[in-house]
C-alpha atoms as a PDB file:
ATOM      1  CA  MET A   1       0.095   0.176   0.090  1.00  0.00           C
ATOM      2  CA  ALA A   2       1.461   3.682  -0.786  1.00  0.00           C
ATOM      3  CA  ASP A   3       1.980   5.609   2.226  1.00  0.00           C
ATOM      4  CA  THR A   4      -0.943   8.349   2.074  1.00  0.00           C
ATOM      5  CA  SER A   5       1.414  11.487   2.254  1.00  0.00           C
ATOM      6  CA  ILE A   6       2.341  10.367  -1.730  1.00  0.00           C
ATOM      7  CA  MET A   7      -1.582   9.707  -2.192  1.00  0.00           C
ATOM      8  CA  ALA A   8      -2.207  13.212  -1.173  1.00  0.00           C
ATOM      9  CA  ALA A   9       0.452  14.435  -3.223  1.00  0.00           C
ATOM     10  CA  GLN A  10      -1.023  12.429  -6.064  1.00  0.00           C
ATOM     11  CA  LYS A  11      -4.195  13.569  -6.097  1.00  0.00           C
ATOM     12  CA  ALA A  12      -3.988  16.920  -5.429  1.00  0.00           C
ATOM     13  CA  LEU A  13      -1.082  17.087  -8.004  1.00  0.00           C
ATOM     14  CA  THR A  14      -3.660  15.405 -10.523  1.00  0.00           C
ATOM     15  CA  ASP A  15      -6.520  18.179  -9.553  1.00  0.00           C
ATOM     16  CA  SER A  16      -4.065  20.633 -10.759  1.00  0.00           C
ATOM     17  CA  LEU A  17      -2.849  19.229 -14.289  1.00  0.00           C
ATOM     18  CA  ILE A  18      -6.074  16.741 -15.135  1.00  0.00           C
ATOM     19  CA  THR A  19      -7.657  19.762 -17.148  1.00  0.00           C
ATOM     20  CA  LYS A  20      -4.532  20.401 -19.241  1.00  0.00           C
ATOM     21  CA  SER A  21      -4.649  19.471 -22.577  1.00  0.00           C
ATOM     22  CA  GLY A  22      -2.384  16.458 -23.275  1.00  0.00           C
ATOM     23  CA  VAL A  23      -2.476  15.349 -19.620  1.00  0.00           C
ATOM     24  CA  VAL A  24      -3.918  11.591 -19.935  1.00  0.00           C
ATOM     25  CA  GLY A  25      -3.154  10.451 -16.033  1.00  0.00           C
ATOM     26  CA  THR A  26      -0.976  10.054 -13.049  1.00  0.00           C
ATOM     27  CA  ALA A  27      -0.177   7.182 -11.252  1.00  0.00           C
ATOM     28  CA  ILE A  28       2.147   6.357  -8.248  1.00  0.00           C
ATOM     29  CA  GLY A  29       5.512   4.804  -9.007  1.00  0.00           C
ATOM     30  CA  LEU A  30       9.023   4.001  -8.501  1.00  0.00           C
ATOM     31  CA  CYS A  31      11.941   6.045  -9.852  1.00  0.00           C
ATOM     32  CA  GLU A  32      15.424   4.806  -8.776  1.00  0.00           C
ATOM     33  CA  ALA A  33      13.674   2.597  -6.029  1.00  0.00           C
ATOM     34  CA  ALA A  34      12.205   5.885  -4.523  1.00  0.00           C
ATOM     35  CA  PRO A  35       8.237   6.211  -4.355  1.00  0.00           C
ATOM     36  CA  CYS A  36       7.432   9.128  -6.891  1.00  0.00           C
ATOM     37  CA  ILE A  37       4.172  10.521  -8.874  1.00  0.00           C
ATOM     38  CA  LYS A  38       4.019   9.808 -12.659  1.00  0.00           C
ATOM     39  CA  VAL A  39       2.409  12.038 -15.245  1.00  0.00           C
ATOM     40  CA  TYR A  40       1.091  10.801 -18.525  1.00  0.00           C
ATOM     41  CA  ILE A  41       1.198  12.572 -21.138  1.00  0.00           C
ATOM     42  CA  ALA A  42      -0.349  12.104 -25.010  1.00  0.00           C
ATOM     43  CA  ARG A  43       2.461  13.366 -26.963  1.00  0.00           C
ATOM     44  CA  ARG A  44       5.920  15.812 -25.938  1.00  0.00           C
ATOM     45  CA  ASP A  45       5.105  19.070 -25.672  1.00  0.00           C
ATOM     46  CA  GLU A  46       7.609  21.795 -24.553  1.00  0.00           C
ATOM     47  CA  GLU A  47       4.870  24.349 -23.216  1.00  0.00           C
ATOM     48  CA  LEU A  48       3.449  21.403 -21.332  1.00  0.00           C
ATOM     49  CA  LEU A  49       6.266  20.032 -19.672  1.00  0.00           C
ATOM     50  CA  LYS A  50       7.157  23.870 -18.495  1.00  0.00           C
ATOM     51  CA  GLN A  51       4.050  23.496 -16.607  1.00  0.00           C
ATOM     52  CA  ILE A  52       4.305  20.289 -15.001  1.00  0.00           C
ATOM     53  CA  PRO A  53       6.938  20.109 -11.590  1.00  0.00           C
ATOM     54  CA  ASP A  54      10.328  18.522 -11.231  1.00  0.00           C
ATOM     55  CA  THR A  55       9.141  17.654  -7.495  1.00  0.00           C
ATOM     56  CA  PHE A  56       5.608  17.881  -5.789  1.00  0.00           C
ATOM     57  CA  MET A  57       5.056  17.934  -2.224  1.00  0.00           C
ATOM     58  CA  GLY A  58       8.626  16.256  -1.740  1.00  0.00           C
ATOM     59  CA  PHE A  59       7.948  13.853  -4.298  1.00  0.00           C
ATOM     60  CA  ARG A  60       9.767  13.523  -7.454  1.00  0.00           C
ATOM     61  CA  VAL A  61       7.494  13.944 -10.602  1.00  0.00           C
ATOM     62  CA  ASP A  62       8.292  11.516 -13.688  1.00  0.00           C
ATOM     63  CA  VAL A  63       6.858  12.535 -17.044  1.00  0.00           C
ATOM     64  CA  GLU A  64       6.244   9.699 -19.556  1.00  0.00           C
ATOM     65  CA  VAL A  65       4.795  10.096 -23.287  1.00  0.00           C
ATOM     66  CA  THR A  66       1.931   7.742 -23.776  1.00  0.00           C
ATOM     67  CA  GLY A  67      -0.121   8.303 -26.195  1.00  0.00           C
ATOM     68  CA  GLU A  68      -3.754   8.705 -25.575  1.00  0.00           C
ATOM     69  CA  PHE A  69      -5.393   6.144 -23.399  1.00  0.00           C
ATOM     70  CA  ARG A  70      -8.415   4.334 -24.538  1.00  0.00           C
ATOM     71  CA  ALA A  71     -10.620   2.031 -23.152  1.00  0.00           C
ATOM     72  CA  ARG A  72     -10.489  -1.740 -23.851  1.00  0.00           C
ATOM     73  CA  ASP A  73     -13.763  -3.269 -25.495  1.00  0.00           C
ATOM     74  CA  THR A  74     -14.284  -6.272 -23.131  1.00  0.00           C
ATOM     75  CA  THR A  75     -17.644  -7.251 -24.458  1.00  0.00           C
ATOM     76  CA  SER A  76     -16.145  -9.603 -26.931  1.00  0.00           C
END
């Protein structure tokens, strides 16, 4: 289970970033064996990257270009 402080940090960062065009999600992950916040973006955008902090509430922020997320069809 993730530490509640990183969970609070992830929620706060998500709330501030998710409405920005190009941000598709966030998660808690590991960066060099330490807890970090992952920010997923649809494409590399220098203007968007300037708006994402390197650290947030004491945790490293790692940005990954993932493309758009789409729901998988589970009906078949």
